[in-house]
PDB file of N, CA and C in Angstrom:
ATOM      1  N   MET A   1      86.915  94.860 154.672  1.00  0.00           N
ATOM      2  CA  MET A   1      88.351  94.673 154.635  1.00  0.00           C
ATOM      3  C   MET A   1      88.879  94.251 155.997  1.00  0.00           C
ATOM      4  N   ALA A   2      88.396  94.844 157.066  1.00  0.00           N
ATOM      5  CA  ALA A   2      88.864  94.488 158.402  1.00  0.00           C
ATOM      6  C   ALA A   2      88.592  93.020 158.697  1.00  0.00           C
ATOM      7  N   ASN A   3      87.472  92.512 158.220  1.00  0.00           N
ATOM      8  CA  ASN A   3      87.139  91.109 158.430  1.00  0.00           C
ATOM      9  C   ASN A   3      88.174  90.202 157.772  1.00  0.00           C
ATOM     10  N   GLN A   4      88.634  90.562 156.586  1.00  0.00           N
ATOM     11  CA  GLN A   4      89.656  89.773 155.909  1.00  0.00           C
ATOM     12  C   GLN A   4      90.975  89.848 156.671  1.00  0.00           C
ATOM     13  N   ASP A   5      91.332  91.019 157.173  1.00  0.00           N
ATOM     14  CA  ASP A   5      92.563  91.179 157.941  1.00  0.00           C
ATOM     15  C   ASP A   5      92.557  90.327 159.198  1.00  0.00           C
ATOM     16  N   ALA A   6      91.402  90.142 159.796  1.00  0.00           N
ATOM     17  CA  ALA A   6      91.299  89.352 161.021  1.00  0.00           C
ATOM     18  C   ALA A   6      91.629  87.883 160.773  1.00  0.00           C
ATOM     19  N   ASN A   7      91.514  87.441 159.544  1.00  0.00           N
ATOM     20  CA  ASN A   7      91.780  86.044 159.216  1.00  0.00           C
ATOM     21  C   ASN A   7      93.225  85.817 158.753  1.00  0.00           C
ATOM     22  N   LEU A   8      94.028  86.872 158.702  1.00  0.00           N
ATOM     23  CA  LEU A   8      95.420  86.747 158.301  1.00  0.00           C
ATOM     24  C   LEU A   8      96.286  86.373 159.499  1.00  0.00           C
ATOM     25  N   VAL A   9      97.460  85.840 159.229  1.00  0.00           N
ATOM     26  CA  VAL A   9      98.394  85.438 160.286  1.00  0.00           C
ATOM     27  C   VAL A   9      99.616  86.344 160.203  1.00  0.00           C
ATOM     28  N   ALA A  10      99.954  86.988 161.322  1.00  0.00           N
ATOM     29  CA  ALA A  10     101.128  87.858 161.391  1.00  0.00           C
ATOM     30  C   ALA A  10     102.234  87.118 162.140  1.00  0.00           C
ATOM     31  N   CYS A  11     103.198  86.615 161.388  1.00  0.00           N
ATOM     32  CA  CYS A  11     104.251  85.770 161.961  1.00  0.00           C
ATOM     33  C   CYS A  11     105.096  86.480 163.019  1.00  0.00           C
ATOM     34  N   GLU A  12     105.259  87.777 162.893  1.00  0.00           N
ATOM     35  CA  GLU A  12     106.132  88.508 163.818  1.00  0.00           C
ATOM     36  C   GLU A  12     105.399  89.037 165.053  1.00  0.00           C
ATOM     37  N   GLN A  13     104.097  88.838 165.131  1.00  0.00           N
ATOM     38  CA  GLN A  13     103.328  89.309 166.280  1.00  0.00           C
ATOM     39  C   GLN A  13     103.361  88.255 167.382  1.00  0.00           C
ATOM     40  N   GLU A  14     104.132  88.518 168.435  1.00  0.00           N
ATOM     41  CA  GLU A  14     104.308  87.536 169.504  1.00  0.00           C
ATOM     42  C   GLU A  14     102.986  87.124 170.130  1.00  0.00           C
ATOM     43  N   HIS A  15     102.090  88.078 170.351  1.00  0.00           N
ATOM     44  CA  HIS A  15     100.805  87.741 170.972  1.00  0.00           C
ATOM     45  C   HIS A  15      99.991  86.801 170.081  1.00  0.00           C
ATOM     46  N   GLU A  16     100.107  86.969 168.777  1.00  0.00           N
ATOM     47  CA  GLU A  16      99.375  86.099 167.866  1.00  0.00           C
ATOM     48  C   GLU A  16      99.978  84.686 167.847  1.00  0.00           C
ATOM     49  N   MET A  17     101.294  84.611 167.835  1.00  0.00           N
ATOM     50  CA  MET A  17     101.956  83.309 167.864  1.00  0.00           C
ATOM     51  C   MET A  17     101.692  82.612 169.205  1.00  0.00           C
ATOM     52  N   ALA A  18     101.650  83.385 170.291  1.00  0.00           N
ATOM     53  CA  ALA A  18     101.346  82.820 171.612  1.00  0.00           C
ATOM     54  C   ALA A  18      99.927  82.255 171.633  1.00  0.00           C
ATOM     55  N   HIS A  19      99.001  82.935 170.985  1.00  0.00           N
ATOM     56  CA  HIS A  19      97.624  82.446 170.915  1.00  0.00           C
ATOM     57  C   HIS A  19      97.566  81.113 170.161  1.00  0.00           C
ATOM     58  N   ILE A  20      98.284  81.009 169.073  1.00  0.00           N
ATOM     59  CA  ILE A  20      98.287  79.768 168.299  1.00  0.00           C
ATOM     60  C   ILE A  20      98.911  78.641 169.110  1.00  0.00           C
ATOM     61  N   LEU A  21      99.974  78.939 169.850  1.00  0.00           N
ATOM     62  CA  LEU A  21     100.552  77.923 170.737  1.00  0.00           C
ATOM     63  C   LEU A  21      99.504  77.449 171.741  1.00  0.00           C
ATOM     64  N   LYS A  22      98.737  78.373 172.293  1.00  0.00           N
ATOM     65  CA  LYS A  22      97.702  78.025 173.268  1.00  0.00           C
ATOM     66  C   LYS A  22      96.624  77.144 172.637  1.00  0.00           C
ATOM     67  N   VAL A  23      96.231  77.456 171.411  1.00  0.00           N
ATOM     68  CA  VAL A  23      95.227  76.653 170.695  1.00  0.00           C
ATOM     69  C   VAL A  23      95.682  75.195 170.614  1.00  0.00           C
ATOM     70  N   TYR A  24      96.982  75.006 170.459  1.00  0.00           N
ATOM     71  CA  TYR A  24      97.529  73.658 170.314  1.00  0.00           C
ATOM     72  C   TYR A  24      98.115  73.101 171.614  1.00  0.00           C
ATOM     73  N   GLY A  25      97.835  73.747 172.728  1.00  0.00           N
ATOM     74  CA  GLY A  25      98.231  73.220 174.029  1.00  0.00           C
ATOM     75  C   GLY A  25      99.723  73.244 174.286  1.00  0.00           C
ATOM     76  N   ARG A  26     100.417  74.197 173.669  1.00  0.00           N
ATOM     77  CA  ARG A  26     101.861  74.310 173.863  1.00  0.00           C
ATOM     78  C   ARG A  26     102.165  75.531 174.721  1.00  0.00           C
ATOM     79  N   GLU A  27     103.222  75.422 175.512  1.00  0.00           N
ATOM     80  CA  GLU A  27     103.608  76.517 176.399  1.00  0.00           C
ATOM     81  C   GLU A  27     104.205  77.681 175.623  1.00  0.00           C
ATOM     82  N   LYS A  28     104.030  78.870 176.180  1.00  0.00           N
ATOM     83  CA  LYS A  28     104.622  80.069 175.595  1.00  0.00           C
ATOM     84  C   LYS A  28     106.036  80.226 176.158  1.00  0.00           C
ATOM     85  N   THR A  29     106.980  79.530 175.545  1.00  0.00           N
ATOM     86  CA  THR A  29     108.389  79.656 175.906  1.00  0.00           C
ATOM     87  C   THR A  29     109.117  80.340 174.755  1.00  0.00           C
ATOM     88  N   ASP A  30     110.312  80.825 175.025  1.00  0.00           N
ATOM     89  CA  ASP A  30     111.095  81.451 173.963  1.00  0.00           C
ATOM     90  C   ASP A  30     111.346  80.468 172.825  1.00  0.00           C
ATOM     91  N   ALA A  31     111.650  79.226 173.166  1.00  0.00           N
ATOM     92  CA  ALA A  31     111.924  78.208 172.144  1.00  0.00           C
ATOM     93  C   ALA A  31     110.680  77.920 171.313  1.00  0.00           C
ATOM     94  N   ASN A  32     109.526  77.790 171.956  1.00  0.00           N
ATOM     95  CA  ASN A  32     108.286  77.525 171.227  1.00  0.00           C
ATOM     96  C   ASN A  32     107.884  78.712 170.353  1.00  0.00           C
ATOM     97  N   LEU A  33     108.098  79.922 170.856  1.00  0.00           N
ATOM     98  CA  LEU A  33     107.787  81.107 170.056  1.00  0.00           C
ATOM     99  C   LEU A  33     108.691  81.180 168.826  1.00  0.00           C
ATOM    100  N   ALA A  34     109.968  80.897 169.001  1.00  0.00           N
ATOM    101  CA  ALA A  34     110.888  80.902 167.862  1.00  0.00           C
ATOM    102  C   ALA A  34     110.484  79.825 166.855  1.00  0.00           C
ATOM    103  N   ASP A  35     110.078  78.666 167.343  1.00  0.00           N
ATOM    104  CA  ASP A  35     109.668  77.560 166.480  1.00  0.00           C
ATOM    105  C   ASP A  35     108.413  77.913 165.678  1.00  0.00           C
ATOM    106  N   ILE A  36     107.400  78.451 166.336  1.00  0.00           N
ATOM    107  CA  ILE A  36     106.152  78.759 165.642  1.00  0.00           C
ATOM    108  C   ILE A  36     106.350  79.916 164.657  1.00  0.00           C
ATOM    109  N   LYS A  37     107.197  80.878 165.012  1.00  0.00           N
ATOM    110  CA  LYS A  37     107.486  81.972 164.077  1.00  0.00           C
ATOM    111  C   LYS A  37     108.165  81.435 162.820  1.00  0.00           C
ATOM    112  N   GLN A  38     109.097  80.509 162.976  1.00  0.00           N
ATOM    113  CA  GLN A  38     109.774  79.933 161.817  1.00  0.00           C
ATOM    114  C   GLN A  38     108.802  79.107 160.979  1.00  0.00           C
ATOM    115  N   LYS A  39     107.954  78.325 161.635  1.00  0.00           N
ATOM    116  CA  LYS A  39     106.946  77.552 160.917  1.00  0.00           C
ATOM    117  C   LYS A  39     106.030  78.488 160.124  1.00  0.00           C
ATOM    118  N   CYS A  40     105.672  79.599 160.710  1.00  0.00           N
ATOM    119  CA  CYS A  40     104.800  80.573 160.047  1.00  0.00           C
ATOM    120  C   CYS A  40     105.491  81.157 158.820  1.00  0.00           C
ATOM    121  N   LYS A  41     106.751  81.514 158.952  1.00  0.00           N
ATOM    122  CA  LYS A  41     107.496  82.057 157.812  1.00  0.00           C
ATOM    123  C   LYS A  41     107.609  81.018 156.703  1.00  0.00           C
ATOM    124  N   ASP A  42     107.895  79.783 157.071  1.00  0.00           N
ATOM    125  CA  ASP A  42     107.996  78.711 156.073  1.00  0.00           C
ATOM    126  C   ASP A  42     106.653  78.491 155.378  1.00  0.00           C
ATOM    127  N   TYR A  43     105.589  78.540 156.158  1.00  0.00           N
ATOM    128  CA  TYR A  43     104.228  78.385 155.618  1.00  0.00           C
ATOM    129  C   TYR A  43     103.943  79.468 154.577  1.00  0.00           C
ATOM    130  N   LYS A  44     104.266  80.705 154.908  1.00  0.00           N
ATOM    131  CA  LYS A  44     103.981  81.809 153.993  1.00  0.00           C
ATOM    132  C   LYS A  44     104.877  81.777 152.757  1.00  0.00           C
ATOM    133  N   ALA A  45     106.049  81.151 152.868  1.00  0.00           N
ATOM    134  CA  ALA A  45     106.967  81.077 151.733  1.00  0.00           C
ATOM    135  C   ALA A  45     106.544  80.006 150.723  1.00  0.00           C
ATOM    136  N   GLY A  46     105.712  79.062 151.152  1.00  0.00           N
ATOM    137  CA  GLY A  46     105.300  77.977 150.271  1.00  0.00           C
ATOM    138  C   GLY A  46     103.986  78.253 149.563  1.00  0.00           C
ATOM    139  N   ASP A  47     103.708  77.425 148.574  1.00  0.00           N
ATOM    140  CA  ASP A  47     102.483  77.584 147.793  1.00  0.00           C
ATOM    141  C   ASP A  47     101.431  76.520 148.083  1.00  0.00           C
ATOM    142  N   ALA A  48     101.753  75.541 148.895  1.00  0.00           N
ATOM    143  CA  ALA A  48     100.863  74.395 149.098  1.00  0.00           C
ATOM    144  C   ALA A  48      99.584  74.743 149.854  1.00  0.00           C
ATOM    145  N   TYR A  49      99.616  75.732 150.717  1.00  0.00           N
ATOM    146  CA  TYR A  49      98.461  76.046 151.568  1.00  0.00           C
ATOM    147  C   TYR A  49      97.985  77.478 151.316  1.00  0.00           C
ATOM    148  N   LYS A  50      97.548  77.739 150.113  1.00  0.00           N
ATOM    149  CA  LYS A  50      97.027  79.066 149.781  1.00  0.00           C
ATOM    150  C   LYS A  50      95.521  79.050 149.810  1.00  0.00           C
ATOM    151  N   PRO A  51      94.880  80.138 150.157  1.00  0.00           N
ATOM    152  CA  PRO A  51      95.462  81.411 150.527  1.00  0.00           C
ATOM    153  C   PRO A  51      96.102  81.339 151.913  1.00  0.00           C
ATOM    154  N   HIS A  52      97.041  82.211 152.166  1.00  0.00           N
ATOM    155  CA  HIS A  52      97.766  82.207 153.430  1.00  0.00           C
ATOM    156  C   HIS A  52      96.943  82.909 154.510  1.00  0.00           C
ATOM    157  N   ASN A  53      95.981  82.172 155.049  1.00  0.00           N
ATOM    158  CA  ASN A  53      95.125  82.703 156.111  1.00  0.00           C
ATOM    159  C   ASN A  53      95.234  81.809 157.342  1.00  0.00           C
ATOM    160  N   ARG A  54      94.533  82.193 158.389  1.00  0.00           N
ATOM    161  CA  ARG A  54      94.611  81.486 159.671  1.00  0.00           C
ATOM    162  C   ARG A  54      94.169  80.027 159.545  1.00  0.00           C
ATOM    163  N   ASP A  55      93.059  79.781 158.873  1.00  0.00           N
ATOM    164  CA  ASP A  55      92.566  78.405 158.738  1.00  0.00           C
ATOM    165  C   ASP A  55      93.581  77.508 158.039  1.00  0.00           C
ATOM    166  N   ASN A  56      94.190  78.022 156.992  1.00  0.00           N
ATOM    167  CA  ASN A  56      95.176  77.221 156.274  1.00  0.00           C
ATOM    168  C   ASN A  56      96.471  77.061 157.063  1.00  0.00           C
ATOM    169  N   PHE A  57      96.801  78.041 157.908  1.00  0.00           N
ATOM    170  CA  PHE A  57      97.980  77.883 158.772  1.00  0.00           C
ATOM    171  C   PHE A  57      97.738  76.760 159.773  1.00  0.00           C
ATOM    172  N   TYR A  58      96.538  76.717 160.347  1.00  0.00           N
ATOM    173  CA  TYR A  58      96.203  75.625 161.265  1.00  0.00           C
ATOM    174  C   TYR A  58      96.263  74.283 160.540  1.00  0.00           C
ATOM    175  N   LEU A  59      95.735  74.237 159.329  1.00  0.00           N
ATOM    176  CA  LEU A  59      95.780  73.017 158.527  1.00  0.00           C
ATOM    177  C   LEU A  59      97.228  72.603 158.261  1.00  0.00           C
ATOM    178  N   TYR A  60      98.071  73.570 157.943  1.00  0.00           N
ATOM    179  CA  TYR A  60      99.502  73.328 157.727  1.00  0.00           C
ATOM    180  C   TYR A  60     100.141  72.705 158.970  1.00  0.00           C
ATOM    181  N   LEU A  61      99.890  73.283 160.130  1.00  0.00           N
ATOM    182  CA  LEU A  61     100.460  72.748 161.371  1.00  0.00           C
ATOM    183  C   LEU A  61      99.976  71.322 161.641  1.00  0.00           C
ATOM    184  N   GLU A  62      98.715  71.074 161.376  1.00  0.00           N
ATOM    185  CA  GLU A  62      98.134  69.760 161.640  1.00  0.00           C
ATOM    186  C   GLU A  62      98.635  68.700 160.658  1.00  0.00           C
ATOM    187  N   LYS A  63      98.744  69.053 159.394  1.00  0.00           N
ATOM    188  CA  LYS A  63      99.154  68.068 158.390  1.00  0.00           C
ATOM    189  C   LYS A  63     100.666  67.876 158.329  1.00  0.00           C
ATOM    190  N   GLU A  64     101.421  68.958 158.413  1.00  0.00           N
ATOM    191  CA  GLU A  64     102.873  68.868 158.251  1.00  0.00           C
ATOM    192  C   GLU A  64     103.595  68.470 159.535  1.00  0.00           C
ATOM    193  N   PHE A  65     103.026  68.800 160.691  1.00  0.00           N
ATOM    194  CA  PHE A  65     103.718  68.574 161.961  1.00  0.00           C
ATOM    195  C   PHE A  65     102.904  67.728 162.939  1.00  0.00           C
ATOM    196  N   ASN A  66     101.740  67.264 162.497  1.00  0.00           N
ATOM    197  CA  ASN A  66     100.861  66.420 163.314  1.00  0.00           C
ATOM    198  C   ASN A  66     100.451  67.098 164.624  1.00  0.00           C
ATOM    199  N   TRP A  67     100.266  68.412 164.579  1.00  0.00           N
ATOM    200  CA  TRP A  67      99.790  69.130 165.757  1.00  0.00           C
ATOM    201  C   TRP A  67      98.307  68.874 165.921  1.00  0.00           C
ATOM    202  N   LYS A  68      97.878  68.740 167.154  1.00  0.00           N
ATOM    203  CA  LYS A  68      96.468  68.528 167.486  1.00  0.00           C
ATOM    204  C   LYS A  68      95.995  69.673 168.375  1.00  0.00           C
ATOM    205  N   LYS A  69      94.790  70.162 168.094  1.00  0.00           N
ATOM    206  CA  LYS A  69      94.235  71.223 168.930  1.00  0.00           C
ATOM    207  C   LYS A  69      93.955  70.685 170.321  1.00  0.00           C
ATOM    208  N   ALA A  70      94.201  71.562 171.295  1.00  0.00           N
ATOM    209  CA  ALA A  70      94.006  71.180 172.702  1.00  0.00           C
ATOM    210  C   ALA A  70      92.535  71.146 173.054  1.00  0.00           C
TER     211      ALA A  70
END
């Protein structure tokens, strides 16, 4: 079970959102954190990228917003 939890995305966890910003080469600013948190909430509210795990969140960012990993 812990292994499955490790693959989930917690939108309200600032450290987790900061890590995702770092993966994509974006600065950890208040504006960027607010943006990624909103993107995460929107991602979880939709059905297009299920299951709602880390890999699919990255795919969502790459396909919907043209984000590229650093």
